[in-house]
Amino acid sequence: MTDDRPDSAPPRHPAATPGHRPGPPAAPDWSRRPPPVAGGPGHDGGRRGWLGRHSGSLLTAVTALLLLAFVGVVGGAILVSMPSSGGRPVVFPTFGPPTGAPAPTSAAPARASGPFDGTPAAGFAQGQAGIALPAAKRTGPFTEKQVAAALTKVRAVLVTARLDRRFMTTDDPEPLIRQFAPDARAGLRESFTSDTFAAYATRLAPGARLTADQPRVKGRISYRATKDADGVRILAVTTNFVWSYAFPTDGTAPGDGLVVVHDTVVWSMPHPDDVKRGSNGLWIEDANSYAANVDCAVFDRGLLGPGTRGFGGPDPVFDPAATLDLPDTC
């Protein structure tokens, strides 16, 4: 999938087809450090899939902005396997990580009760316990300490973006945005003025509220070293998680009050020796997701609210190994 529009071109307007979202696939827009010189250093309960990708080109200016864009397609997110472009990280939208990549499963789950009973999410870990980090090992040019620091940053972002109730219910995105590289923040702020943030973060619709039950979480994390087309060394951390949220409901069938989100995100950490200070830190390379049993009207604005269909028995939306190419029923 390519897009030859220049970075300065305005985004395409969405088509009338439900579920469509605009956005060009490209790469993070960090400022590269110059080479060293000698001697120096609608409540219908539907499901909908999204594809988001942060865009831009490598700049030599001191400040570079991450331009976030996002594509959704009828039939769910169409991205099942994204080929590498110029050595950039690849999205792995199913449960399996690349061969040889460290990727432990989530921590042993606590026994669920209440709204999750009778659904696969009853066997998921509760809240942060579902985000288990792989062992940090030296990977390419990245030391064990650098890998550990990157994994810790990614976990902290996941906790804020998908589990922090204050973040999910207020209009202030800064608690999440300030965890990214300074040069990435302007683009991320822009994403929160539209619906594009929803590929990697959860915000509840006005009036929507969760039960006291912690969300249930299942997934895994992997990482690898790579380079971009200009030789910037990158530690790419791929996360693939299912998040199950419980909302109050009068329904009596299993899962009637649940909303399920499945996302895959590639988080990039450029090597600090290869980029300028403002670009040193966490970026989003790619993000795509779908949600099920949602209020489609509020979901069109990137917000989460419960639908009314529920789940009839086992459903692939609970499975991190499932494809993201599921039917769009919104």
C-alpha atoms as a PDB file:
ATOM      1  CA  MET A   1       0.000   0.000   0.000  1.00  0.00           C
ATOM      2  CA  THR A   2       1.589   3.261  -1.069  1.00  0.00           C
ATOM      3  CA  ASP A   3       0.649   6.916  -1.273  1.00  0.00           C
ATOM      4  CA  ASP A   4       2.585   9.276  -3.499  1.00  0.00           C
ATOM      5  CA  ARG A   5       1.008  12.482  -2.201  1.00  0.00           C
ATOM      6  CA  PRO A   6       3.512  14.980  -0.789  1.00  0.00           C
ATOM      7  CA  ASP A   7       3.555  15.328   2.983  1.00  0.00           C
ATOM      8  CA  SER A   8       2.185  18.862   2.686  1.00  0.00           C
ATOM      9  CA  ALA A   9      -0.873  17.748   0.761  1.00  0.00           C
ATOM     10  CA  PRO A  10      -4.165  17.973   2.668  1.00  0.00           C
ATOM     11  CA  PRO A  11      -5.718  14.684   3.783  1.00  0.00           C
ATOM     12  CA  ARG A  12      -8.307  13.112   1.560  1.00  0.00           C
ATOM     13  CA  HIS A  13     -11.907  13.520   2.654  1.00  0.00           C
ATOM     14  CA  PRO A  14     -13.547  10.269   3.745  1.00  0.00           C
ATOM     15  CA  ALA A  15     -15.803   8.669   1.224  1.00  0.00           C
ATOM     16  CA  ALA A  16     -19.480   8.111   1.905  1.00  0.00           C
ATOM     17  CA  THR A  17     -18.796   4.450   2.562  1.00  0.00           C
ATOM     18  CA  PRO A  18     -19.227   3.717   6.308  1.00  0.00           C
ATOM     19  CA  GLY A  19     -15.963   3.016   8.041  1.00  0.00           C
ATOM     20  CA  HIS A  20     -13.667   4.811   5.613  1.00  0.00           C
ATOM     21  CA  ARG A  21     -10.910   6.960   7.082  1.00  0.00           C
ATOM     22  CA  PRO A  22      -8.250   9.040   5.283  1.00  0.00           C
ATOM     23  CA  GLY A  23      -4.514   8.819   5.736  1.00  0.00           C
ATOM     24  CA  PRO A  24      -1.246   8.134   3.928  1.00  0.00           C
ATOM     25  CA  PRO A  25       1.121   5.425   5.121  1.00  0.00           C
ATOM     26  CA  ALA A  26       4.582   6.789   5.807  1.00  0.00           C
ATOM     27  CA  ALA A  27       7.139   7.006   8.599  1.00  0.00           C
ATOM     28  CA  PRO A  28       7.967   8.921  11.782  1.00  0.00           C
ATOM     29  CA  ASP A  29       9.337  12.358  11.166  1.00  0.00           C
ATOM     30  CA  TRP A  30      12.254  12.591  13.538  1.00  0.00           C
ATOM     31  CA  SER A  31      15.182  14.962  13.167  1.00  0.00           C
ATOM     32  CA  ARG A  32      18.243  13.017  12.218  1.00  0.00           C
ATOM     33  CA  ARG A  33      21.567  13.753  13.877  1.00  0.00           C
ATOM     34  CA  PRO A  34      24.239  14.668  11.292  1.00  0.00           C
ATOM     35  CA  PRO A  35      26.951  12.045  10.738  1.00  0.00           C
ATOM     36  CA  PRO A  36      29.875  12.462  13.137  1.00  0.00           C
ATOM     37  CA  VAL A  37      32.959  14.253  11.834  1.00  0.00           C
ATOM     38  CA  ALA A  38      36.539  13.328  12.580  1.00  0.00           C
ATOM     39  CA  GLY A  39      37.328  14.142  16.178  1.00  0.00           C
ATOM     40  CA  GLY A  40      33.645  14.733  17.175  1.00  0.00           C
ATOM     41  CA  PRO A  41      30.393  12.685  18.436  1.00  0.00           C
ATOM     42  CA  GLY A  42     -25.579   4.443  16.593  1.00  0.00           C
ATOM     43  CA  HIS A  43     -26.413   1.798  19.414  1.00  0.00           C
ATOM     44  CA  ASP A  44     -26.462  -1.121  17.056  1.00  0.00           C
ATOM     45  CA  GLY A  45     -23.611  -2.974  18.685  1.00  0.00           C
ATOM     46  CA  GLY A  46     -21.567  -3.090  15.526  1.00  0.00           C
ATOM     47  CA  ARG A  47     -17.877  -3.610  15.026  1.00  0.00           C
ATOM     48  CA  ARG A  48     -15.547  -1.450  13.062  1.00  0.00           C
ATOM     49  CA  GLY A  49     -11.890  -1.627  12.152  1.00  0.00           C
ATOM     50  CA  TRP A  50      -9.368   1.155  11.799  1.00  0.00           C
ATOM     51  CA  LEU A  51      -5.941   1.482  10.252  1.00  0.00           C
ATOM     52  CA  GLY A  52      -3.757   4.319  11.404  1.00  0.00           C
ATOM     53  CA  ARG A  53      -0.242   5.234  10.400  1.00  0.00           C
ATOM     54  CA  HIS A  54       1.879   8.152  11.446  1.00  0.00           C
ATOM     55  CA  SER A  55       3.229  10.003   8.456  1.00  0.00           C
ATOM     56  CA  GLY A  56       6.008  12.333   7.434  1.00  0.00           C
ATOM     57  CA  SER A  57       9.445  12.317   5.885  1.00  0.00           C
ATOM     58  CA  LEU A  58      12.858  12.566   7.438  1.00  0.00           C
ATOM     59  CA  LEU A  59      13.787  16.220   8.000  1.00  0.00           C
ATOM     60  CA  THR A  60      17.058  17.906   8.783  1.00  0.00           C
ATOM     61  CA  ALA A  61      15.510  20.811  10.694  1.00  0.00           C
ATOM     62  CA  VAL A  62      15.895  20.933  14.454  1.00  0.00           C
ATOM     63  CA  THR A  63      12.169  20.412  14.980  1.00  0.00           C
ATOM     64  CA  ALA A  64      10.181  17.785  13.096  1.00  0.00           C
ATOM     65  CA  LEU A  65       6.478  17.071  13.513  1.00  0.00           C
ATOM     66  CA  LEU A  66       4.799  13.712  13.465  1.00  0.00           C
ATOM     67  CA  LEU A  67       1.790  13.878  11.175  1.00  0.00           C
ATOM     68  CA  LEU A  68      -0.803  11.328  12.214  1.00  0.00           C
ATOM     69  CA  ALA A  69      -3.175   9.890   9.676  1.00  0.00           C
ATOM     70  CA  PHE A  70      -5.616   7.071   9.701  1.00  0.00           C
ATOM     71  CA  VAL A  71      -7.417   4.772   7.270  1.00  0.00           C
ATOM     72  CA  GLY A  72     -10.458   2.571   7.968  1.00  0.00           C
ATOM     73  CA  VAL A  73     -12.105   0.352   5.393  1.00  0.00           C
ATOM     74  CA  VAL A  74     -15.419  -1.447   5.185  1.00  0.00           C
ATOM     75  CA  GLY A  75     -14.775  -4.994   6.251  1.00  0.00           C
ATOM     76  CA  GLY A  76     -12.639  -3.867   9.165  1.00  0.00           C
ATOM     77  CA  ALA A  77      -9.026  -2.854   9.104  1.00  0.00           C
ATOM     78  CA  ILE A  78      -7.648  -4.159   5.847  1.00  0.00           C
ATOM     79  CA  LEU A  79      -4.107  -4.476   7.123  1.00  0.00           C
ATOM     80  CA  VAL A  80      -3.316  -8.112   7.815  1.00  0.00           C
ATOM     81  CA  SER A  81       0.357  -8.104   6.905  1.00  0.00           C
ATOM     82  CA  MET A  82       2.179  -4.906   6.100  1.00  0.00           C
ATOM     83  CA  PRO A  83       5.405  -5.308   4.104  1.00  0.00           C
ATOM     84  CA  SER A  84       8.523  -3.553   5.285  1.00  0.00           C
ATOM     85  CA  SER A  85       9.247  -0.278   3.519  1.00  0.00           C
ATOM     86  CA  GLY A  86      12.847   0.826   3.351  1.00  0.00           C
ATOM     87  CA  GLY A  87      13.787  -1.296   6.335  1.00  0.00           C
ATOM     88  CA  ARG A  88      11.078   0.164   8.578  1.00  0.00           C
ATOM     89  CA  PRO A  89       9.332  -1.871  11.257  1.00  0.00           C
ATOM     90  CA  VAL A  90       6.420  -4.065  10.245  1.00  0.00           C
ATOM     91  CA  VAL A  91       3.020  -4.403  11.879  1.00  0.00           C
ATOM     92  CA  PHE A  92       2.255  -7.927  13.033  1.00  0.00           C
ATOM     93  CA  PRO A  93      -1.527  -7.757  13.441  1.00  0.00           C
ATOM     94  CA  THR A  94      -1.999 -11.268  14.754  1.00  0.00           C
ATOM     95  CA  PHE A  95      -0.767 -12.895  17.933  1.00  0.00           C
ATOM     96  CA  GLY A  96       2.389 -14.385  16.435  1.00  0.00           C
ATOM     97  CA  PRO A  97       5.537 -12.231  16.616  1.00  0.00           C
ATOM     98  CA  PRO A  98       8.351 -12.395  14.051  1.00  0.00           C
ATOM     99  CA  THR A  99      10.489 -15.498  14.225  1.00  0.00           C
ATOM    100  CA  GLY A 100      12.984 -15.371  17.047  1.00  0.00           C
ATOM    101  CA  ALA A 101      11.557 -12.230  18.674  1.00  0.00           C
ATOM    102  CA  PRO A 102      11.087 -12.453  22.452  1.00  0.00           C
ATOM    103  CA  ALA A 103       7.367 -12.334  23.174  1.00  0.00           C
ATOM    104  CA  PRO A 104       5.979 -13.810  26.408  1.00  0.00           C
ATOM    105  CA  THR A 105       2.272 -14.122  26.936  1.00  0.00           C
ATOM    106  CA  SER A 106       0.475 -11.997  29.494  1.00  0.00           C
ATOM    107  CA  ALA A 107       0.746 -12.737  33.188  1.00  0.00           C
ATOM    108  CA  ALA A 108      -1.349 -15.540  34.675  1.00  0.00           C
ATOM    109  CA  PRO A 109      -4.891 -14.137  34.914  1.00  0.00           C
ATOM    110  CA  ALA A 110      -6.847 -13.689  38.089  1.00  0.00           C
ATOM    111  CA  ARG A 111     -10.233 -15.370  38.082  1.00  0.00           C
ATOM    112  CA  ALA A 112     -12.803 -13.017  36.580  1.00  0.00           C
ATOM    113  CA  SER A 113     -16.319 -12.474  37.852  1.00  0.00           C
ATOM    114  CA  GLY A 114     -19.403 -10.468  37.017  1.00  0.00           C
ATOM    115  CA  PRO A 115     -19.788  -8.925  33.549  1.00  0.00           C
ATOM    116  CA  PHE A 116     -17.023 -11.016  31.982  1.00  0.00           C
ATOM    117  CA  ASP A 117     -18.539 -14.377  32.978  1.00  0.00           C
ATOM    118  CA  GLY A 118     -19.405 -16.597  30.061  1.00  0.00           C
ATOM    119  CA  THR A 119     -17.019 -14.843  27.654  1.00  0.00           C
ATOM    120  CA  PRO A 120     -13.393 -15.520  26.732  1.00  0.00           C
ATOM    121  CA  ALA A 121     -12.434 -12.360  28.655  1.00  0.00           C
ATOM    122  CA  ALA A 122     -13.248 -14.178  31.907  1.00  0.00           C
ATOM    123  CA  GLY A 123      -9.869 -15.879  31.509  1.00  0.00           C
ATOM    124  CA  PHE A 124      -7.929 -12.705  30.774  1.00  0.00           C
ATOM    125  CA  ALA A 125      -5.712 -10.918  33.260  1.00  0.00           C
ATOM    126  CA  GLN A 126      -7.077  -7.894  35.068  1.00  0.00           C
ATOM    127  CA  GLY A 127      -5.821  -4.446  34.130  1.00  0.00           C
ATOM    128  CA  GLN A 128      -2.068  -3.892  34.154  1.00  0.00           C
ATOM    129  CA  ALA A 129      -1.417  -7.534  35.014  1.00  0.00           C
ATOM    130  CA  GLY A 130      -2.223  -8.320  31.385  1.00  0.00           C
ATOM    131  CA  ILE A 131       0.717  -6.288  30.059  1.00  0.00           C
ATOM    132  CA  ALA A 132       3.731  -8.548  30.529  1.00  0.00           C
ATOM    133  CA  LEU A 133       7.080  -7.374  29.215  1.00  0.00           C
ATOM    134  CA  PRO A 134       9.522  -9.724  27.486  1.00  0.00           C
ATOM    135  CA  ALA A 135      13.009 -10.054  28.946  1.00  0.00           C
ATOM    136  CA  ALA A 136      15.242  -7.191  27.859  1.00  0.00           C
ATOM    137  CA  LYS A 137      18.285  -8.352  25.906  1.00  0.00           C
ATOM    138  CA  ARG A 138      20.931  -6.568  23.892  1.00  0.00           C
ATOM    139  CA  THR A 139      19.481  -6.242  20.403  1.00  0.00           C
ATOM    140  CA  GLY A 140      21.543  -4.937  17.499  1.00  0.00           C
ATOM    141  CA  PRO A 141      23.087  -1.614  18.554  1.00  0.00           C
ATOM    142  CA  PHE A 142      20.723  -1.256  21.527  1.00  0.00           C
ATOM    143  CA  THR A 143      22.061  -2.239  24.939  1.00  0.00           C
ATOM    144  CA  GLU A 144      20.077  -4.294  27.411  1.00  0.00           C
ATOM    145  CA  LYS A 145      19.503  -1.104  29.423  1.00  0.00           C
ATOM    146  CA  GLN A 146      18.196   0.768  26.378  1.00  0.00           C
ATOM    147  CA  VAL A 147      15.859  -2.102  25.483  1.00  0.00           C
ATOM    148  CA  ALA A 148      14.563  -2.277  29.047  1.00  0.00           C
ATOM    149  CA  ALA A 149      13.959   1.482  29.075  1.00  0.00           C
ATOM    150  CA  ALA A 150      12.051   1.324  25.782  1.00  0.00           C
ATOM    151  CA  LEU A 151       9.879  -1.547  26.974  1.00  0.00           C
ATOM    152  CA  THR A 152       9.104   0.288  30.203  1.00  0.00           C
ATOM    153  CA  LYS A 153       8.077   3.404  28.254  1.00  0.00           C
ATOM    154  CA  VAL A 154       5.804   1.396  25.990  1.00  0.00           C
ATOM    155  CA  ARG A 155       4.131  -0.304  28.941  1.00  0.00           C
ATOM    156  CA  ALA A 156       3.546   3.036  30.662  1.00  0.00           C
ATOM    157  CA  VAL A 157       1.954   4.427  27.491  1.00  0.00           C
ATOM    158  CA  LEU A 158      -0.308   1.380  27.162  1.00  0.00           C
ATOM    159  CA  VAL A 159      -1.464   1.763  30.760  1.00  0.00           C
ATOM    160  CA  THR A 160      -2.304   5.429  30.227  1.00  0.00           C
ATOM    161  CA  ALA A 161      -3.838   5.039  26.775  1.00  0.00           C
ATOM    162  CA  ARG A 162      -6.012   1.993  27.417  1.00  0.00           C
ATOM    163  CA  LEU A 163      -6.484   1.603  31.182  1.00  0.00           C
ATOM    164  CA  ASP A 164      -6.246   4.979  32.949  1.00  0.00           C
ATOM    165  CA  ARG A 165      -9.834   5.956  33.783  1.00  0.00           C
ATOM    166  CA  ARG A 166      -9.033   9.588  34.347  1.00  0.00           C
ATOM    167  CA  PHE A 167      -7.398   9.810  30.942  1.00  0.00           C
ATOM    168  CA  MET A 168     -10.318   8.001  29.301  1.00  0.00           C
ATOM    169  CA  THR A 169     -12.933  10.361  30.750  1.00  0.00           C
ATOM    170  CA  THR A 170     -11.299  13.813  30.487  1.00  0.00           C
ATOM    171  CA  ASP A 171     -10.524  16.048  27.517  1.00  0.00           C
ATOM    172  CA  ASP A 172      -6.849  16.456  28.380  1.00  0.00           C
ATOM    173  CA  PRO A 173      -4.560  14.201  26.292  1.00  0.00           C
ATOM    174  CA  GLU A 174      -1.334  15.595  27.778  1.00  0.00           C
ATOM    175  CA  PRO A 175      -0.772  12.799  30.335  1.00  0.00           C
ATOM    176  CA  LEU A 176      -0.308  10.522  27.328  1.00  0.00           C
ATOM    177  CA  ILE A 177       1.327  12.924  24.893  1.00  0.00           C
ATOM    178  CA  ARG A 178       4.119  14.000  27.230  1.00  0.00           C
ATOM    179  CA  GLN A 179       5.378  10.406  27.331  1.00  0.00           C
ATOM    180  CA  PHE A 180       6.497  10.705  23.683  1.00  0.00           C
ATOM    181  CA  ALA A 181       9.508  12.379  22.093  1.00  0.00           C
ATOM    182  CA  PRO A 182       9.119  16.189  22.056  1.00  0.00           C
ATOM    183  CA  ASP A 183       9.096  16.310  18.252  1.00  0.00           C
ATOM    184  CA  ALA A 184       6.267  13.765  18.132  1.00  0.00           C
ATOM    185  CA  ARG A 185       3.900  15.672  20.398  1.00  0.00           C
ATOM    186  CA  ALA A 186       2.459  18.270  18.036  1.00  0.00           C
ATOM    187  CA  GLY A 187       1.257  15.585  15.634  1.00  0.00           C
ATOM    188  CA  LEU A 188      -0.223  13.571  18.471  1.00  0.00           C
ATOM    189  CA  ARG A 189      -2.074  16.620  19.779  1.00  0.00           C
ATOM    190  CA  GLU A 190      -3.499  17.093  16.303  1.00  0.00           C
ATOM    191  CA  SER A 191      -4.773  13.511  16.328  1.00  0.00           C
ATOM    192  CA  PHE A 192      -6.871  14.301  19.392  1.00  0.00           C
ATOM    193  CA  THR A 193      -8.720  17.043  17.500  1.00  0.00           C
ATOM    194  CA  SER A 194     -10.217  14.338  15.262  1.00  0.00           C
ATOM    195  CA  ASP A 195     -10.907  10.632  15.632  1.00  0.00           C
ATOM    196  CA  THR A 196      -7.452   9.417  14.660  1.00  0.00           C
ATOM    197  CA  PHE A 197      -6.228   8.939  18.236  1.00  0.00           C
ATOM    198  CA  ALA A 198      -8.515   5.942  18.616  1.00  0.00           C
ATOM    199  CA  ALA A 199      -6.116   3.634  16.774  1.00  0.00           C
ATOM    200  CA  TYR A 200      -3.938   3.659  19.908  1.00  0.00           C
ATOM    201  CA  ALA A 201      -5.937   5.216  22.783  1.00  0.00           C
ATOM    202  CA  THR A 202      -9.318   4.867  24.477  1.00  0.00           C
ATOM    203  CA  ARG A 203     -11.614   7.811  25.214  1.00  0.00           C
ATOM    204  CA  LEU A 204     -15.147   7.250  26.532  1.00  0.00           C
ATOM    205  CA  ALA A 205     -18.162   8.946  24.999  1.00  0.00           C
ATOM    206  CA  PRO A 206     -19.913  11.631  27.082  1.00  0.00           C
ATOM    207  CA  GLY A 207     -22.170   9.915  29.591  1.00  0.00           C
ATOM    208  CA  ALA A 208     -20.550   6.519  29.097  1.00  0.00           C
ATOM    209  CA  ARG A 209     -19.042   4.945  32.177  1.00  0.00           C
ATOM    210  CA  LEU A 210     -17.347   1.706  33.078  1.00  0.00           C
ATOM    211  CA  THR A 211     -18.297  -0.596  35.902  1.00  0.00           C
ATOM    212  CA  ALA A 212     -15.946  -0.910  38.864  1.00  0.00           C
ATOM    213  CA  ASP A 213     -14.484  -4.027  37.247  1.00  0.00           C
ATOM    214  CA  GLN A 214     -10.997  -3.673  35.840  1.00  0.00           C
ATOM    215  CA  PRO A 215     -10.765  -4.117  32.069  1.00  0.00           C
ATOM    216  CA  ARG A 216      -9.560  -7.544  31.022  1.00  0.00           C
ATOM    217  CA  VAL A 217      -6.394  -7.672  28.916  1.00  0.00           C
ATOM    218  CA  LYS A 218      -4.686 -10.299  26.782  1.00  0.00           C
ATOM    219  CA  GLY A 219      -1.774  -9.945  24.392  1.00  0.00           C
ATOM    220  CA  ARG A 220       1.968  -9.881  23.998  1.00  0.00           C
ATOM    221  CA  ILE A 221       4.930  -7.677  23.161  1.00  0.00           C
ATOM    222  CA  SER A 222       7.923  -8.285  20.899  1.00  0.00           C
ATOM    223  CA  TYR A 223      10.828  -6.143  19.733  1.00  0.00           C
ATOM    224  CA  ARG A 224      13.591  -6.040  17.156  1.00  0.00           C
ATOM    225  CA  ALA A 225      16.322  -3.740  15.878  1.00  0.00           C
ATOM    226  CA  THR A 226      16.041  -2.306  12.387  1.00  0.00           C
ATOM    227  CA  LYS A 227      16.979   0.759  10.310  1.00  0.00           C
ATOM    228  CA  ASP A 228      15.013   3.224   8.259  1.00  0.00           C
ATOM    229  CA  ALA A 229      15.829   4.115   4.646  1.00  0.00           C
ATOM    230  CA  ASP A 230      18.228   6.827   5.803  1.00  0.00           C
ATOM    231  CA  GLY A 231      20.148   4.575   8.155  1.00  0.00           C
ATOM    232  CA  VAL A 232      18.595   5.721  11.440  1.00  0.00           C
ATOM    233  CA  ARG A 233      18.801   2.760  13.797  1.00  0.00           C
ATOM    234  CA  ILE A 234      15.452   1.921  15.378  1.00  0.00           C
ATOM    235  CA  LEU A 235      14.244  -0.325  18.173  1.00  0.00           C
ATOM    236  CA  ALA A 236      10.752  -1.333  17.040  1.00  0.00           C
ATOM    237  CA  VAL A 237       8.446  -2.608  19.795  1.00  0.00           C
ATOM    238  CA  THR A 238       5.311  -4.349  18.522  1.00  0.00           C
ATOM    239  CA  THR A 239       2.309  -4.695  20.835  1.00  0.00           C
ATOM    240  CA  ASN A 240      -0.773  -6.777  20.082  1.00  0.00           C
ATOM    241  CA  PHE A 241      -3.547  -6.659  22.689  1.00  0.00           C
ATOM    242  CA  VAL A 242      -7.233  -7.268  23.224  1.00  0.00           C
ATOM    243  CA  TRP A 243      -8.858  -4.911  25.747  1.00  0.00           C
ATOM    244  CA  SER A 244     -12.277  -5.803  27.152  1.00  0.00           C
ATOM    245  CA  TYR A 245     -14.245  -3.056  28.921  1.00  0.00           C
ATOM    246  CA  ALA A 246     -17.374  -3.613  31.057  1.00  0.00           C
ATOM    247  CA  PHE A 247     -20.209  -1.080  30.912  1.00  0.00           C
ATOM    248  CA  PRO A 248     -23.410  -1.140  33.008  1.00  0.00           C
ATOM    249  CA  THR A 249     -26.168  -3.039  31.232  1.00  0.00           C
ATOM    250  CA  ASP A 250     -29.659  -4.394  31.785  1.00  0.00           C
ATOM    251  CA  GLY A 251     -28.871  -7.319  29.510  1.00  0.00           C
ATOM    252  CA  THR A 252     -28.651 -10.806  30.963  1.00  0.00           C
ATOM    253  CA  ALA A 253     -26.730 -12.642  28.227  1.00  0.00           C
ATOM    254  CA  PRO A 254     -22.964 -13.116  28.660  1.00  0.00           C
ATOM    255  CA  GLY A 255     -21.015 -10.142  27.378  1.00  0.00           C
ATOM    256  CA  ASP A 256     -24.016  -7.845  26.929  1.00  0.00           C
ATOM    257  CA  GLY A 257     -22.209  -4.916  28.566  1.00  0.00           C
ATOM    258  CA  LEU A 258     -18.771  -5.548  27.082  1.00  0.00           C
ATOM    259  CA  VAL A 259     -16.925  -3.526  24.453  1.00  0.00           C
ATOM    260  CA  VAL A 260     -13.832  -5.186  23.001  1.00  0.00           C
ATOM    261  CA  VAL A 261     -10.918  -3.382  21.339  1.00  0.00           C
ATOM    262  CA  HIS A 262      -8.088  -5.190  19.543  1.00  0.00           C
ATOM    263  CA  ASP A 263      -5.097  -3.108  18.540  1.00  0.00           C
ATOM    264  CA  THR A 264      -1.638  -3.671  17.119  1.00  0.00           C
ATOM    265  CA  VAL A 265       0.890  -0.853  17.384  1.00  0.00           C
ATOM    266  CA  VAL A 266       4.537  -0.509  16.395  1.00  0.00           C
ATOM    267  CA  TRP A 267       6.343   1.888  18.729  1.00  0.00           C
ATOM    268  CA  SER A 268       9.691   3.226  17.512  1.00  0.00           C
ATOM    269  CA  MET A 269      12.671   4.322  19.565  1.00  0.00           C
ATOM    270  CA  PRO A 270      15.442   5.795  17.375  1.00  0.00           C
ATOM    271  CA  HIS A 271      18.991   5.308  18.583  1.00  0.00           C
ATOM    272  CA  PRO A 272      19.941   8.447  20.557  1.00  0.00           C
ATOM    273  CA  ASP A 273      23.194   8.785  18.602  1.00  0.00           C
ATOM    274  CA  ASP A 274      21.278   9.011  15.302  1.00  0.00           C
ATOM    275  CA  VAL A 275      18.729  11.760  16.003  1.00  0.00           C
ATOM    276  CA  LYS A 276      18.690  15.194  17.562  1.00  0.00           C
ATOM    277  CA  ARG A 277      17.587  15.689  21.148  1.00  0.00           C
ATOM    278  CA  GLY A 278      13.995  16.633  20.347  1.00  0.00           C
ATOM    279  CA  SER A 279      13.470  13.426  18.390  1.00  0.00           C
ATOM    280  CA  ASN A 280      15.002  11.180  21.029  1.00  0.00           C
ATOM    281  CA  GLY A 281      12.223   9.175  22.655  1.00  0.00           C
ATOM    282  CA  LEU A 282       9.094   7.234  21.808  1.00  0.00           C
ATOM    283  CA  TRP A 283       7.211   7.497  18.503  1.00  0.00           C
ATOM    284  CA  ILE A 284       4.328   5.595  16.934  1.00  0.00           C
ATOM    285  CA  GLU A 285       5.281   3.939  13.654  1.00  0.00           C
ATOM    286  CA  ASP A 286       1.979   2.194  12.868  1.00  0.00           C
ATOM    287  CA  ALA A 287      -1.321   1.590  14.629  1.00  0.00           C
ATOM    288  CA  ASN A 288      -4.460  -0.277  13.658  1.00  0.00           C
ATOM    289  CA  SER A 289      -7.419  -1.572  15.633  1.00  0.00           C
ATOM    290  CA  TYR A 290     -11.030  -2.635  15.661  1.00  0.00           C
ATOM    291  CA  ALA A 291     -13.776  -2.499  18.275  1.00  0.00           C
ATOM    292  CA  ALA A 292     -16.838  -4.676  18.756  1.00  0.00           C
ATOM    293  CA  ASN A 293     -20.255  -4.171  20.386  1.00  0.00           C
ATOM    294  CA  VAL A 294     -19.830  -0.403  20.092  1.00  0.00           C
ATOM    295  CA  ASP A 295     -22.199   2.504  19.712  1.00  0.00           C
ATOM    296  CA  CYS A 296     -21.359   3.231  16.094  1.00  0.00           C
ATOM    297  CA  ALA A 297     -22.454   6.875  16.234  1.00  0.00           C
ATOM    298  CA  VAL A 298     -19.965   7.826  18.945  1.00  0.00           C
ATOM    299  CA  PHE A 299     -17.343   5.486  17.529  1.00  0.00           C
ATOM    300  CA  ASP A 300     -17.374   7.597  14.367  1.00  0.00           C
ATOM    301  CA  ARG A 301     -15.834  10.300  16.571  1.00  0.00           C
ATOM    302  CA  GLY A 302     -13.250   7.900  17.968  1.00  0.00           C
ATOM    303  CA  LEU A 303     -15.102   7.505  21.276  1.00  0.00           C
ATOM    304  CA  LEU A 304     -16.150   4.334  23.049  1.00  0.00           C
ATOM    305  CA  GLY A 305     -19.657   3.522  24.204  1.00  0.00           C
ATOM    306  CA  PRO A 306     -21.528   0.206  24.469  1.00  0.00           C
ATOM    307  CA  GLY A 307     -23.708  -1.217  21.733  1.00  0.00           C
ATOM    308  CA  THR A 308     -26.761  -3.412  22.227  1.00  0.00           C
ATOM    309  CA  ARG A 309     -25.969  -6.609  20.362  1.00  0.00           C
ATOM    310  CA  GLY A 310     -23.624  -8.293  22.809  1.00  0.00           C
ATOM    311  CA  PHE A 311     -21.749 -11.461  21.890  1.00  0.00           C
ATOM    312  CA  GLY A 312     -23.246 -14.785  20.933  1.00  0.00           C
ATOM    313  CA  GLY A 313     -20.843 -17.357  22.343  1.00  0.00           C
ATOM    314  CA  PRO A 314     -17.131 -17.447  21.427  1.00  0.00           C
ATOM    315  CA  ASP A 315     -16.247 -14.532  19.164  1.00  0.00           C
ATOM    316  CA  PRO A 316     -13.012 -13.889  17.248  1.00  0.00           C
ATOM    317  CA  VAL A 317     -12.851 -10.335  18.577  1.00  0.00           C
ATOM    318  CA  PHE A 318     -11.604 -11.753  21.886  1.00  0.00           C
ATOM    319  CA  ASP A 319      -8.692 -13.542  20.227  1.00  0.00           C
ATOM    320  CA  PRO A 320      -5.387 -11.650  19.792  1.00  0.00           C
ATOM    321  CA  ALA A 321      -4.471 -14.226  17.142  1.00  0.00           C
ATOM    322  CA  ALA A 322      -7.476 -13.306  15.017  1.00  0.00           C
ATOM    323  CA  THR A 323      -7.097 -11.283  11.859  1.00  0.00           C
ATOM    324  CA  LEU A 324      -8.035  -7.632  11.974  1.00  0.00           C
ATOM    325  CA  ASP A 325      -9.924  -8.094   8.710  1.00  0.00           C
ATOM    326  CA  LEU A 326     -13.324  -8.709  10.310  1.00  0.00           C
ATOM    327  CA  PRO A 327     -16.710  -7.755   8.844  1.00  0.00           C
ATOM    328  CA  ASP A 328     -17.750  -4.184   9.559  1.00  0.00           C
ATOM    329  CA  THR A 329     -21.279  -4.262  10.971  1.00  0.00           C
ATOM    330  CA  CYS A 330     -21.657  -0.586  11.821  1.00  0.00           C
END
